[in-house]
Amino acid sequence: MSKGVPTMNARQGVEVRRLFEPGQSWDVENHYITRVDHPCFGTTRRVVEAVNTSGLRFAPLGDARAETLKWPRSAELVEVGGVVSWSGHPAPGMLFLSLVKVA
C-alpha cells in the first residue's frame, strides 16, 4: 500500500476513525520527525484522550502533554491488517504516522 491507495482488504476514512476510542493505547511511528532529540521521533506509545469529528487527541504514555491532530482526508486514513496509515502531512500523499493498537 502506498500513497494512500486502498487495497482489497483496506478500510478507510470514517470506518478507520471508529477504531479509536478514549483510553486505548497505540504505538505510533512518526515518519515525518527526523530529529533524534524530538519527543515524537521514532515509535512512541500514546493514549487516546478524545475523539471527535474534527480530530484525535492523544498523549504519550505517562505524559500530560496531549496533542490534537486533525483528521486527514478520507483517502489518507487507511487501515490494512491492523496498521493504520495516516498520510497527508505535511503534504498530500505523504506518509505521516503508522499506528498499531496495543492489545
Protein backbone atom coordinates (compact mmCIF):
# COMPACT_ATOMS: atom_id res chain seq x y z
CA MET A 1 0.00 0.00 0.00
CA SER A 2 1.46 3.33 -0.98
CA LYS A 3 0.31 6.90 -1.36
CA GLY A 4 -2.97 6.22 0.47
CA VAL A 5 -4.28 3.85 -2.22
CA PRO A 6 -6.52 1.27 -0.54
CA THR A 7 -6.11 -2.44 -1.23
CA MET A 8 -8.87 -5.05 -1.35
CA ASN A 9 -8.96 -5.58 2.43
CA ALA A 10 -8.46 -1.94 3.37
CA ARG A 11 -10.73 0.21 5.46
CA GLN A 12 -10.50 3.97 5.14
CA GLY A 13 -11.84 7.31 6.35
CA VAL A 14 -14.75 7.26 8.77
CA GLU A 15 -14.54 3.48 9.15
CA VAL A 16 -10.95 3.85 10.42
CA ARG A 17 -11.86 6.74 12.72
CA ARG A 18 -14.21 4.37 14.56
CA LEU A 19 -11.21 2.25 15.60
CA PHE A 20 -10.04 4.98 18.01
CA GLU A 21 -11.64 5.22 21.48
CA PRO A 22 -10.65 7.15 24.62
CA GLY A 23 -8.40 5.14 26.94
CA GLN A 24 -6.87 2.98 24.21
CA SER A 25 -3.11 2.71 23.80
CA TRP A 26 -1.50 2.87 20.36
CA ASP A 27 2.09 2.51 19.20
CA VAL A 28 2.67 5.47 16.91
CA GLU A 29 5.56 5.58 14.46
CA ASN A 30 6.29 9.09 13.21
CA HIS A 31 7.61 9.17 9.63
CA TYR A 32 7.90 12.97 9.49
CA ILE A 33 10.06 13.87 12.51
CA THR A 34 13.71 13.07 11.79
CA ARG A 35 15.42 14.75 14.76
CA VAL A 36 16.52 12.08 17.24
CA ASP A 37 16.16 14.56 20.13
CA HIS A 38 12.49 15.33 19.28
CA PRO A 39 9.95 13.77 21.70
CA CYS A 40 7.91 12.39 18.77
CA PHE A 41 10.88 10.76 16.98
CA GLY A 42 10.55 7.08 16.11
CA THR A 43 7.85 4.98 17.78
CA THR A 44 6.08 6.12 20.94
CA ARG A 45 3.19 4.64 22.90
CA ARG A 46 0.26 7.05 23.15
CA VAL A 47 -3.10 7.02 24.90
CA VAL A 48 -6.23 8.33 23.18
CA GLU A 49 -7.82 11.07 25.29
CA ALA A 50 -10.65 12.17 22.99
CA VAL A 51 -12.06 11.51 19.55
CA ASN A 52 -14.48 13.75 17.67
CA THR A 53 -15.48 14.66 14.14
CA SER A 54 -12.60 17.10 13.73
CA GLY A 55 -9.73 15.01 15.09
CA LEU A 56 -8.00 12.84 17.64
CA ARG A 57 -6.41 13.93 20.92
CA PHE A 58 -3.74 11.72 22.43
CA ALA A 59 -0.75 11.90 24.79
CA PRO A 60 2.46 9.94 25.22
CA LEU A 61 2.05 7.25 27.88
CA GLY A 62 2.73 8.77 31.30
CA ASP A 63 2.93 12.31 29.91
CA ALA A 64 0.40 15.09 30.45
CA ARG A 65 1.28 16.85 27.17
CA ALA A 66 -1.57 15.84 24.87
CA GLU A 67 -1.79 16.95 21.28
CA THR A 68 -4.69 17.16 18.87
CA LEU A 69 -4.40 16.02 15.28
CA LYS A 70 -6.97 16.98 12.67
CA TRP A 71 -8.32 14.07 10.65
CA PRO A 72 -6.82 13.84 7.16
CA ARG A 73 -8.91 13.39 4.02
CA SER A 74 -10.67 10.05 3.89
CA ALA A 75 -8.29 8.54 1.31
CA GLU A 76 -5.30 9.41 3.54
CA LEU A 77 -6.52 7.42 6.56
CA VAL A 78 -6.27 3.72 5.71
CA GLU A 79 -6.14 0.54 7.82
CA VAL A 80 -4.80 -2.75 6.49
CA GLY A 81 -4.01 -5.74 8.68
CA GLY A 82 -4.24 -3.79 11.92
CA VAL A 83 -1.90 -0.98 10.83
CA VAL A 84 -3.41 2.47 10.36
CA SER A 85 -1.56 4.65 7.86
CA TRP A 86 -2.17 8.37 8.39
CA SER A 87 -0.99 10.40 5.41
CA GLY A 88 -1.33 13.96 4.20
CA HIS A 89 1.10 15.80 6.49
CA PRO A 90 2.98 17.92 5.62
CA ALA A 91 1.91 17.29 2.01
CA PRO A 92 -0.90 15.31 0.37
CA GLY A 93 0.00 11.66 -0.12
CA MET A 94 2.99 11.80 2.23
CA LEU A 95 3.00 9.11 4.97
CA PHE A 96 2.92 10.84 8.36
CA LEU A 97 2.12 8.21 11.01
CA SER A 98 1.72 4.44 11.27
CA LEU A 99 -0.41 3.38 14.23
CA VAL A 100 -0.89 -0.07 15.77
CA LYS A 101 -3.37 -0.65 18.59
CA VAL A 102 -1.84 -2.18 21.72
CA ALA A 103 -3.73 -5.30 22.80
